[in-house]
Each structure stands twice: as structure tokens, then as C-alpha cells.
Amino acid sequence: MPIIHPDASTQAIQQRLAETAAAPTLRVERLDYTYPDGHKALSDVSLDIQEGEKVALVGPNGAGKSTLILNLNGIFRGEGRVEVAGMTVEKQNLPVVRALVGLVFQNPDDQLFSPTVFEDVAFGPLHMGLPETEVYARVQEALAQVGMSDYVQRLSYHLSMGEKKRIAIATVLAMHPKILILDEPSSGLDPRSRRQLINLLRKLPLTMLVSTHDMLMVKDLFPRMVIMDEGRIVADGPTASLFDDTDLLEAHGLERPHC
């Protein structure tokens, strides 16, 4: 693996990360987003997430959850304000923002494109310009966090869906993000892999925003729940309290978990 030394831009990123360490992890203020076909996907969305919170983002299909997630690291750019660790999500800040926001897609094949697990997990740190020793250390650390240390030389495309999802999480953990954002992480998993994923997310000491239809996972894992419908946040509060409001759940196409 080639040695890539930090350049001026990488040093600036590291300095900015230090400056923003004490800021709230995520702040969204009055965010609107309209697709090129004229469909308005987000309307006046405001949301604060503090360091260490684990928050579930729920709602029916088409509620705007995925659109919101894609605005949080600048893949989409709406009208309004998004800040990650005190840094505004705008063009000149995107290299830093994308180090701060660990975005894990629903389909891990969208995230795993290198021949081996090592290369997939090393990709982000390498492109941050980190030295070889730091890249190796981050890969080892990230794989240990997801319980996949023995998979370092495995071929990514030979893994099971559950294994791929854990490796996809490792690829963003290697960037040392401030917030981990996952889109439907339990989708497509068998019961054993789903339980392993829930246990992994419970143990990770990270601020977390997870979009999901898996209401049992929400009940088990997330103290706070944000409900979206028709591009708006319609409720935000303690998960247990919102689950007790059956009229609210029914009005927005949700069901209280039965177990």
C-alpha cells in the first residue's frame, strides 16, 4: 500500500475538527428540499441531536427520511441550514463534513467496491492523506469495533449480507466520525444477523441517527424517536411516550411493536 502523507488540506481538516469538538453534533434549521421534477421532499425541517444521543428516524415510505439523510453530508443541498459539529454543510466544508458524518447506505454493495475488506476499510483514511501506519491502525480498530478482525483479507463480495453490513459500518468508523447515520440497517437480514447488528449498534459509543421501519429495533435501541411524514417532522420525543400515542402512530402509518 502506498504511503500518503498529510498535505495542507488534510492539516486544515484536522485543525477544523479540533475547533468544532465542543459544538452540538447535528443541527438542522428550517431545511427545505425540492427535487428537479418539482416534488417538494422536505418542508421546514428542524432537528438538533446532542453528542451521545441515539435517535431513530421513522415514518412511512416517501416521508422524506432518506432525503433528509442525504442533506446531512452534502450529497443533496437544500434551502436552510445544516451544521455538523458546528460546521455548516456547504461546498467549501464538504471534505471535513464527510469525515464527520459516517453515512451507511441501506445496500452495503453501494459502499463496498474494493477487492478485499482491508482495502474497503482503508479507502477513506487513505484519501484523508493519512500516513500508512495510521491507516493500518484505523483499519484494525474499525474491524475490531464491528467484530470482524479476522476478515481483513477476505473478499468483500463473498460475504453474507450481515457481514457486508458490518464491514460497511467499519468503512465509516475508520474515518472517526462524530455521528453515525444509517439508512434501514436491519433490512434484508436474517434474525441472527439482525440481533448481531442491534447488539453492535448498542455498544458503539457514537452519536447515532438511524432511519428504519424496524419498530422493534427502535423500541430496543433508541431512547428518542423522530417521526416524519410528507416531508415534515410531525413528532419528536421519548420513544416510549410516542409509542403510547396510538392515534399519532396510526395517523402516520406506523404501528407500535407488539413484543
C-alpha atoms as a PDB file:
ATOM      1  CA  MET A   1       0.000   0.000   0.000  1.00  0.00           C
ATOM      2  CA  PRO A   2       1.458   3.400  -0.930  1.00  0.00           C
ATOM      3  CA  ILE A   3       2.375   5.857   1.784  1.00  0.00           C
ATOM      4  CA  ILE A   4       0.368   9.061   1.516  1.00  0.00           C
ATOM      5  CA  HIS A   5       1.484  11.895   3.769  1.00  0.00           C
ATOM      6  CA  PRO A   6      -0.862  14.614   5.008  1.00  0.00           C
ATOM      7  CA  ASP A   7      -0.997  17.666   2.764  1.00  0.00           C
ATOM      8  CA  ALA A   8      -2.083  21.191   3.665  1.00  0.00           C
ATOM      9  CA  SER A   9      -5.760  20.392   3.128  1.00  0.00           C
ATOM     10  CA  THR A  10      -5.606  17.416   5.466  1.00  0.00           C
ATOM     11  CA  GLN A  11      -3.914  19.511   8.146  1.00  0.00           C
ATOM     12  CA  ALA A  12      -6.661  22.113   7.760  1.00  0.00           C
ATOM     13  CA  ILE A  13      -9.274  19.394   8.187  1.00  0.00           C
ATOM     14  CA  GLN A  14      -7.624  18.154  11.367  1.00  0.00           C
ATOM     15  CA  GLN A  15      -7.406  21.697  12.749  1.00  0.00           C
ATOM     16  CA  ARG A  16     -11.078  22.366  11.964  1.00  0.00           C
ATOM     17  CA  LEU A  17     -12.094  19.090  13.629  1.00  0.00           C
ATOM     18  CA  ALA A  18     -10.330  20.199  16.805  1.00  0.00           C
ATOM     19  CA  GLU A  19     -12.035  23.601  16.696  1.00  0.00           C
ATOM     20  CA  THR A  20     -15.517  22.061  16.366  1.00  0.00           C
ATOM     21  CA  ALA A  21     -15.098  19.369  19.026  1.00  0.00           C
ATOM     22  CA  ALA A  22     -17.320  21.125  21.591  1.00  0.00           C
ATOM     23  CA  ALA A  23     -20.186  22.056  19.232  1.00  0.00           C
ATOM     24  CA  PRO A  24     -23.554  20.210  19.080  1.00  0.00           C
ATOM     25  CA  THR A  25     -23.218  17.130  16.931  1.00  0.00           C
ATOM     26  CA  LEU A  26     -26.034  17.896  14.479  1.00  0.00           C
ATOM     27  CA  ARG A  27     -28.257  20.913  13.919  1.00  0.00           C
ATOM     28  CA  VAL A  28     -30.805  21.267  11.121  1.00  0.00           C
ATOM     29  CA  GLU A  29     -32.673  24.563  10.830  1.00  0.00           C
ATOM     30  CA  ARG A  30     -35.706  25.100   8.579  1.00  0.00           C
ATOM     31  CA  LEU A  31     -34.471  22.803   5.833  1.00  0.00           C
ATOM     32  CA  ASP A  32     -36.428  22.598   2.573  1.00  0.00           C
ATOM     33  CA  TYR A  33     -35.562  20.394  -0.372  1.00  0.00           C
ATOM     34  CA  THR A  34     -37.263  20.188  -3.775  1.00  0.00           C
ATOM     35  CA  TYR A  35     -36.325  17.611  -6.429  1.00  0.00           C
ATOM     36  CA  PRO A  36     -35.674  18.775 -10.014  1.00  0.00           C
ATOM     37  CA  ASP A  37     -39.126  17.476 -11.064  1.00  0.00           C
ATOM     38  CA  GLY A  38     -40.741  19.932  -8.650  1.00  0.00           C
ATOM     39  CA  HIS A  39     -41.606  17.453  -5.894  1.00  0.00           C
ATOM     40  CA  LYS A  40     -41.015  19.055  -2.500  1.00  0.00           C
ATOM     41  CA  ALA A  41     -39.474  16.349  -0.320  1.00  0.00           C
ATOM     42  CA  LEU A  42     -38.618  18.372   2.809  1.00  0.00           C
ATOM     43  CA  SER A  43     -40.521  21.288   4.335  1.00  0.00           C
ATOM     44  CA  ASP A  44     -39.264  23.375   7.259  1.00  0.00           C
ATOM     45  CA  VAL A  45     -37.346  20.533   8.913  1.00  0.00           C
ATOM     46  CA  SER A  46     -35.540  21.438  12.147  1.00  0.00           C
ATOM     47  CA  LEU A  47     -33.686  18.952  14.320  1.00  0.00           C
ATOM     48  CA  ASP A  48     -30.981  19.016  16.991  1.00  0.00           C
ATOM     49  CA  ILE A  49     -29.029  15.949  18.087  1.00  0.00           C
ATOM     50  CA  GLN A  50     -26.631  16.217  21.008  1.00  0.00           C
ATOM     51  CA  GLU A  51     -23.420  14.274  21.453  1.00  0.00           C
ATOM     52  CA  GLY A  52     -24.039  10.690  22.562  1.00  0.00           C
ATOM     53  CA  GLU A  53     -27.726  10.548  21.588  1.00  0.00           C
ATOM     54  CA  LYS A  54     -29.106   7.552  19.696  1.00  0.00           C
ATOM     55  CA  VAL A  55     -32.101   8.701  17.660  1.00  0.00           C
ATOM     56  CA  ALA A  56     -34.491   6.742  15.440  1.00  0.00           C
ATOM     57  CA  LEU A  57     -35.935   8.409  12.329  1.00  0.00           C
ATOM     58  CA  VAL A  58     -39.216   6.757  11.354  1.00  0.00           C
ATOM     59  CA  GLY A  59     -42.142   7.333   9.040  1.00  0.00           C
ATOM     60  CA  PRO A  60     -43.928   5.846   6.012  1.00  0.00           C
ATOM     61  CA  ASN A  61     -42.315   5.400   2.614  1.00  0.00           C
ATOM     62  CA  GLY A  62     -41.942   8.768   0.927  1.00  0.00           C
ATOM     63  CA  ALA A  63     -41.874  10.675   4.215  1.00  0.00           C
ATOM     64  CA  GLY A  64     -38.527  12.300   3.367  1.00  0.00           C
ATOM     65  CA  LYS A  65     -36.242  10.306   5.658  1.00  0.00           C
ATOM     66  CA  SER A  66     -33.672   9.358   3.022  1.00  0.00           C
ATOM     67  CA  THR A  67     -33.766  12.844   1.515  1.00  0.00           C
ATOM     68  CA  LEU A  68     -33.017  14.330   4.933  1.00  0.00           C
ATOM     69  CA  ILE A  69     -30.111  11.932   5.460  1.00  0.00           C
ATOM     70  CA  LEU A  70     -28.580  12.853   2.111  1.00  0.00           C
ATOM     71  CA  ASN A  71     -28.697  16.538   3.044  1.00  0.00           C
ATOM     72  CA  LEU A  72     -26.660  15.905   6.180  1.00  0.00           C
ATOM     73  CA  ASN A  73     -23.358  15.380   4.372  1.00  0.00           C
ATOM     74  CA  GLY A  74     -23.958  17.476   1.283  1.00  0.00           C
ATOM     75  CA  ILE A  75     -24.960  14.811  -1.240  1.00  0.00           C
ATOM     76  CA  PHE A  76     -28.178  16.839  -1.559  1.00  0.00           C
ATOM     77  CA  ARG A  77     -28.190  20.590  -0.876  1.00  0.00           C
ATOM     78  CA  GLY A  78     -31.479  22.095   0.253  1.00  0.00           C
ATOM     79  CA  GLU A  79     -32.544  25.545   1.419  1.00  0.00           C
ATOM     80  CA  GLY A  80     -31.950  26.130   5.108  1.00  0.00           C
ATOM     81  CA  ARG A  81     -29.043  25.398   7.408  1.00  0.00           C
ATOM     82  CA  VAL A  82     -27.331  22.140   8.355  1.00  0.00           C
ATOM     83  CA  GLU A  83     -24.430  22.058  10.820  1.00  0.00           C
ATOM     84  CA  VAL A  84     -22.327  19.086  11.866  1.00  0.00           C
ATOM     85  CA  ALA A  85     -20.189  19.686  14.964  1.00  0.00           C
ATOM     86  CA  GLY A  86     -20.584  23.425  14.425  1.00  0.00           C
ATOM     87  CA  MET A  87     -19.555  23.326  10.765  1.00  0.00           C
ATOM     88  CA  THR A  88     -22.021  24.415   8.100  1.00  0.00           C
ATOM     89  CA  VAL A  89     -22.669  21.883   5.350  1.00  0.00           C
ATOM     90  CA  GLU A  90     -21.590  23.848   2.292  1.00  0.00           C
ATOM     91  CA  LYS A  91     -19.259  23.306  -0.641  1.00  0.00           C
ATOM     92  CA  GLN A  92     -16.002  24.532   0.897  1.00  0.00           C
ATOM     93  CA  ASN A  93     -16.558  22.417   4.030  1.00  0.00           C
ATOM     94  CA  LEU A  94     -17.553  19.136   2.382  1.00  0.00           C
ATOM     95  CA  PRO A  95     -14.212  17.300   2.886  1.00  0.00           C
ATOM     96  CA  VAL A  96     -14.460  17.917   6.627  1.00  0.00           C
ATOM     97  CA  VAL A  97     -18.214  17.292   6.821  1.00  0.00           C
ATOM     98  CA  ARG A  98     -17.871  13.943   5.086  1.00  0.00           C
ATOM     99  CA  ALA A  99     -15.252  12.910   7.619  1.00  0.00           C
ATOM    100  CA  LEU A 100     -17.607  13.932  10.429  1.00  0.00           C
ATOM    101  CA  VAL A 101     -20.735  12.215   9.050  1.00  0.00           C
ATOM    102  CA  GLY A 102     -20.453   8.434   8.827  1.00  0.00           C
ATOM    103  CA  LEU A 103     -23.198   7.596   6.339  1.00  0.00           C
ATOM    104  CA  VAL A 104     -24.050   3.902   5.881  1.00  0.00           C
ATOM    105  CA  PHE A 105     -26.368   3.123   2.967  1.00  0.00           C
ATOM    106  CA  GLN A 106     -29.165   0.552   3.041  1.00  0.00           C
ATOM    107  CA  ASN A 107     -27.432  -1.644   0.471  1.00  0.00           C
ATOM    108  CA  PRO A 108     -23.828  -2.378   1.518  1.00  0.00           C
ATOM    109  CA  ASP A 109     -22.902  -3.149  -2.095  1.00  0.00           C
ATOM    110  CA  ASP A 110     -23.221   0.605  -2.712  1.00  0.00           C
ATOM    111  CA  GLN A 111     -20.363   1.086  -0.235  1.00  0.00           C
ATOM    112  CA  LEU A 112     -18.085  -1.918  -0.786  1.00  0.00           C
ATOM    113  CA  PHE A 113     -16.269  -1.731  -4.103  1.00  0.00           C
ATOM    114  CA  SER A 114     -12.684  -2.851  -3.399  1.00  0.00           C
ATOM    115  CA  PRO A 115     -11.405  -6.425  -3.814  1.00  0.00           C
ATOM    116  CA  THR A 116     -10.690  -7.033  -0.118  1.00  0.00           C
ATOM    117  CA  VAL A 117     -12.155  -5.982   3.215  1.00  0.00           C
ATOM    118  CA  PHE A 118      -8.869  -4.262   4.114  1.00  0.00           C
ATOM    119  CA  GLU A 119      -8.956  -2.089   1.004  1.00  0.00           C
ATOM    120  CA  ASP A 120     -12.588  -1.131   1.564  1.00  0.00           C
ATOM    121  CA  VAL A 121     -11.984  -0.047   5.162  1.00  0.00           C
ATOM    122  CA  ALA A 122      -8.686   1.674   4.291  1.00  0.00           C
ATOM    123  CA  PHE A 123     -10.180   3.689   1.420  1.00  0.00           C
ATOM    124  CA  GLY A 124     -11.413   6.643   3.486  1.00  0.00           C
ATOM    125  CA  PRO A 125      -8.317   7.077   5.679  1.00  0.00           C
ATOM    126  CA  LEU A 126      -6.072   6.847   2.608  1.00  0.00           C
ATOM    127  CA  HIS A 127      -7.973   9.619   0.883  1.00  0.00           C
ATOM    128  CA  MET A 128      -7.709  11.753   4.011  1.00  0.00           C
ATOM    129  CA  GLY A 129      -3.979  11.685   3.330  1.00  0.00           C
ATOM    130  CA  LEU A 130      -3.085   9.806   6.492  1.00  0.00           C
ATOM    131  CA  PRO A 131       0.280   8.022   6.787  1.00  0.00           C
ATOM    132  CA  GLU A 132       0.471   4.286   6.282  1.00  0.00           C
ATOM    133  CA  THR A 133       0.832   3.443   9.980  1.00  0.00           C
ATOM    134  CA  GLU A 134      -2.274   5.465  10.858  1.00  0.00           C
ATOM    135  CA  VAL A 135      -4.274   3.838   8.050  1.00  0.00           C
ATOM    136  CA  TYR A 136      -3.369   0.357   9.309  1.00  0.00           C
ATOM    137  CA  ALA A 137      -4.246   1.333  12.866  1.00  0.00           C
ATOM    138  CA  ARG A 138      -7.639   2.719  11.833  1.00  0.00           C
ATOM    139  CA  VAL A 139      -8.496  -0.372   9.793  1.00  0.00           C
ATOM    140  CA  GLN A 140      -7.656  -2.662  12.688  1.00  0.00           C
ATOM    141  CA  GLU A 141      -9.588  -0.506  15.146  1.00  0.00           C
ATOM    142  CA  ALA A 142     -12.691  -0.281  12.936  1.00  0.00           C
ATOM    143  CA  LEU A 143     -12.787  -4.011  12.195  1.00  0.00           C
ATOM    144  CA  ALA A 144     -12.399  -4.784  15.900  1.00  0.00           C
ATOM    145  CA  GLN A 145     -15.331  -2.479  16.689  1.00  0.00           C
ATOM    146  CA  VAL A 146     -17.633  -4.444  14.386  1.00  0.00           C
ATOM    147  CA  GLY A 147     -16.273  -7.866  15.392  1.00  0.00           C
ATOM    148  CA  MET A 148     -14.663  -8.546  12.006  1.00  0.00           C
ATOM    149  CA  SER A 149     -10.931  -8.510  12.776  1.00  0.00           C
ATOM    150  CA  ASP A 150     -10.416 -11.920  11.155  1.00  0.00           C
ATOM    151  CA  TYR A 151     -11.917 -10.734   7.850  1.00  0.00           C
ATOM    152  CA  VAL A 152      -9.155  -8.316   6.873  1.00  0.00           C
ATOM    153  CA  GLN A 153      -8.066 -10.280   3.769  1.00  0.00           C
ATOM    154  CA  ARG A 154     -11.489 -11.677   2.873  1.00  0.00           C
ATOM    155  CA  LEU A 155     -13.100 -10.815  -0.459  1.00  0.00           C
ATOM    156  CA  SER A 156     -15.922  -8.363   0.208  1.00  0.00           C
ATOM    157  CA  TYR A 157     -18.224  -9.773  -2.475  1.00  0.00           C
ATOM    158  CA  HIS A 158     -18.084 -13.266  -0.908  1.00  0.00           C
ATOM    159  CA  LEU A 159     -19.517 -12.130   2.428  1.00  0.00           C
ATOM    160  CA  SER A 160     -23.057 -12.636   3.701  1.00  0.00           C
ATOM    161  CA  MET A 161     -25.445  -9.683   3.886  1.00  0.00           C
ATOM    162  CA  GLY A 162     -24.923  -9.357   7.637  1.00  0.00           C
ATOM    163  CA  GLU A 163     -21.142  -9.439   7.248  1.00  0.00           C
ATOM    164  CA  LYS A 164     -21.276  -6.859   4.455  1.00  0.00           C
ATOM    165  CA  LYS A 165     -23.339  -4.517   6.613  1.00  0.00           C
ATOM    166  CA  ARG A 166     -20.817  -4.721   9.435  1.00  0.00           C
ATOM    167  CA  ILE A 167     -17.941  -4.056   7.025  1.00  0.00           C
ATOM    168  CA  ALA A 168     -19.838  -1.084   5.582  1.00  0.00           C
ATOM    169  CA  ILE A 169     -20.112   0.305   9.122  1.00  0.00           C
ATOM    170  CA  ALA A 170     -16.369  -0.290   9.590  1.00  0.00           C
ATOM    171  CA  THR A 171     -15.612   1.770   6.467  1.00  0.00           C
ATOM    172  CA  VAL A 172     -17.132   4.838   8.107  1.00  0.00           C
ATOM    173  CA  LEU A 173     -15.838   4.096  11.620  1.00  0.00           C
ATOM    174  CA  ALA A 174     -12.326   4.226  10.146  1.00  0.00           C
ATOM    175  CA  MET A 175     -12.950   7.915   9.403  1.00  0.00           C
ATOM    176  CA  HIS A 176     -13.559   8.622  13.124  1.00  0.00           C
ATOM    177  CA  PRO A 177     -16.954  10.293  12.516  1.00  0.00           C
ATOM    178  CA  LYS A 178     -18.790  12.498  15.000  1.00  0.00           C
ATOM    179  CA  ILE A 179     -22.153  10.985  14.044  1.00  0.00           C
ATOM    180  CA  LEU A 180     -23.099   7.631  12.527  1.00  0.00           C
ATOM    181  CA  ILE A 181     -26.097   7.774  10.170  1.00  0.00           C
ATOM    182  CA  LEU A 182     -27.634   4.548   8.914  1.00  0.00           C
ATOM    183  CA  ASP A 183     -30.416   4.012   6.371  1.00  0.00           C
ATOM    184  CA  GLU A 184     -32.517   0.878   7.079  1.00  0.00           C
ATOM    185  CA  PRO A 185     -29.631  -1.087   8.637  1.00  0.00           C
ATOM    186  CA  SER A 186     -31.698  -4.185   9.504  1.00  0.00           C
ATOM    187  CA  SER A 187     -33.244  -4.506   6.031  1.00  0.00           C
ATOM    188  CA  GLY A 188     -32.565  -7.881   4.389  1.00  0.00           C
ATOM    189  CA  LEU A 189     -31.067  -9.522   7.482  1.00  0.00           C
ATOM    190  CA  ASP A 190     -31.985 -12.901   8.921  1.00  0.00           C
ATOM    191  CA  PRO A 191     -32.938 -12.942  12.646  1.00  0.00           C
ATOM    192  CA  ARG A 192     -29.444 -13.846  13.863  1.00  0.00           C
ATOM    193  CA  SER A 193     -27.730 -11.169  11.779  1.00  0.00           C
ATOM    194  CA  ARG A 194     -30.338  -8.623  12.826  1.00  0.00           C
ATOM    195  CA  ARG A 195     -29.722  -9.330  16.508  1.00  0.00           C
ATOM    196  CA  GLN A 196     -25.957  -9.113  15.982  1.00  0.00           C
ATOM    197  CA  LEU A 197     -26.411  -5.732  14.303  1.00  0.00           C
ATOM    198  CA  ILE A 198     -28.587  -4.398  17.119  1.00  0.00           C
ATOM    199  CA  ASN A 199     -26.027  -5.518  19.697  1.00  0.00           C
ATOM    200  CA  LEU A 200     -23.266  -3.845  17.672  1.00  0.00           C
ATOM    201  CA  LEU A 201     -25.147  -0.533  17.436  1.00  0.00           C
ATOM    202  CA  ARG A 202     -25.924  -0.651  21.142  1.00  0.00           C
ATOM    203  CA  LYS A 203     -22.230  -1.000  22.024  1.00  0.00           C
ATOM    204  CA  LEU A 204     -20.848   1.651  19.683  1.00  0.00           C
ATOM    205  CA  PRO A 205     -20.068   4.794  21.712  1.00  0.00           C
ATOM    206  CA  LEU A 206     -21.203   7.168  18.974  1.00  0.00           C
ATOM    207  CA  THR A 207     -23.929   9.687  18.341  1.00  0.00           C
ATOM    208  CA  MET A 208     -26.365   7.947  16.019  1.00  0.00           C
ATOM    209  CA  LEU A 209     -29.278   8.749  13.696  1.00  0.00           C
ATOM    210  CA  VAL A 210     -30.932   5.685  12.169  1.00  0.00           C
ATOM    211  CA  SER A 211     -33.712   5.690   9.586  1.00  0.00           C
ATOM    212  CA  THR A 212     -35.730   2.499   9.900  1.00  0.00           C
ATOM    213  CA  HIS A 213     -39.081   0.716   9.574  1.00  0.00           C
ATOM    214  CA  ASP A 214     -37.959  -1.827  12.185  1.00  0.00           C
ATOM    215  CA  MET A 215     -40.059  -0.677  15.126  1.00  0.00           C
ATOM    216  CA  LEU A 216     -38.865  -3.475  17.381  1.00  0.00           C
ATOM    217  CA  MET A 217     -35.311  -2.268  16.879  1.00  0.00           C
ATOM    218  CA  VAL A 218     -36.452   1.271  17.674  1.00  0.00           C
ATOM    219  CA  LYS A 219     -38.043   0.050  20.908  1.00  0.00           C
ATOM    220  CA  ASP A 220     -34.938  -1.933  21.891  1.00  0.00           C
ATOM    221  CA  LEU A 221     -32.250   0.560  20.971  1.00  0.00           C
ATOM    222  CA  PHE A 222     -33.343   4.187  20.639  1.00  0.00           C
ATOM    223  CA  PRO A 223     -34.444   6.336  23.603  1.00  0.00           C
ATOM    224  CA  ARG A 224     -35.569   9.111  21.226  1.00  0.00           C
ATOM    225  CA  MET A 225     -37.740   8.878  18.129  1.00  0.00           C
ATOM    226  CA  VAL A 226     -38.379  11.413  15.364  1.00  0.00           C
ATOM    227  CA  ILE A 227     -41.432  10.837  13.167  1.00  0.00           C
ATOM    228  CA  MET A 228     -41.537  12.231   9.630  1.00  0.00           C
ATOM    229  CA  ASP A 229     -44.456  12.346   7.207  1.00  0.00           C
ATOM    230  CA  GLU A 230     -44.925  14.221   3.942  1.00  0.00           C
ATOM    231  CA  GLY A 231     -41.553  15.902   4.274  1.00  0.00           C
ATOM    232  CA  ARG A 232     -42.094  17.283   7.763  1.00  0.00           C
ATOM    233  CA  ILE A 233     -41.170  16.311  11.307  1.00  0.00           C
ATOM    234  CA  VAL A 234     -44.525  15.656  12.977  1.00  0.00           C
ATOM    235  CA  ALA A 235     -43.274  14.377  16.350  1.00  0.00           C
ATOM    236  CA  ASP A 236     -40.002  14.259  18.269  1.00  0.00           C
ATOM    237  CA  GLY A 237     -39.702  12.853  21.765  1.00  0.00           C
ATOM    238  CA  PRO A 238     -39.053   9.883  24.041  1.00  0.00           C
ATOM    239  CA  THR A 239     -39.668   6.649  22.183  1.00  0.00           C
ATOM    240  CA  ALA A 240     -41.782   5.113  24.951  1.00  0.00           C
ATOM    241  CA  SER A 241     -44.096   8.132  25.087  1.00  0.00           C
ATOM    242  CA  LEU A 242     -44.595   8.256  21.327  1.00  0.00           C
ATOM    243  CA  PHE A 243     -45.292   4.516  21.200  1.00  0.00           C
ATOM    244  CA  ASP A 244     -48.074   5.070  23.756  1.00  0.00           C
ATOM    245  CA  ASP A 245     -49.793   7.536  21.407  1.00  0.00           C
ATOM    246  CA  THR A 246     -51.623   5.074  19.149  1.00  0.00           C
ATOM    247  CA  ASP A 247     -53.567   7.831  17.373  1.00  0.00           C
ATOM    248  CA  LEU A 248     -50.312   9.548  16.400  1.00  0.00           C
ATOM    249  CA  LEU A 249     -48.812   6.306  15.132  1.00  0.00           C
ATOM    250  CA  GLU A 250     -51.899   5.372  13.107  1.00  0.00           C
ATOM    251  CA  ALA A 251     -52.128   8.852  11.603  1.00  0.00           C
ATOM    252  CA  HIS A 252     -48.647   8.444  10.169  1.00  0.00           C
ATOM    253  CA  GLY A 253     -48.735   4.826   9.034  1.00  0.00           C
ATOM    254  CA  LEU A 254     -46.840   3.360  11.969  1.00  0.00           C
ATOM    255  CA  GLU A 255     -47.539   0.508  14.360  1.00  0.00           C
ATOM    256  CA  ARG A 256     -46.482   0.007  17.942  1.00  0.00           C
ATOM    257  CA  PRO A 257     -44.251  -3.073  18.255  1.00  0.00           C
ATOM    258  CA  HIS A 258     -46.023  -5.973  19.960  1.00  0.00           C
ATOM    259  CA  CYS A 259     -43.025  -7.663  21.602  1.00  0.00           C
END
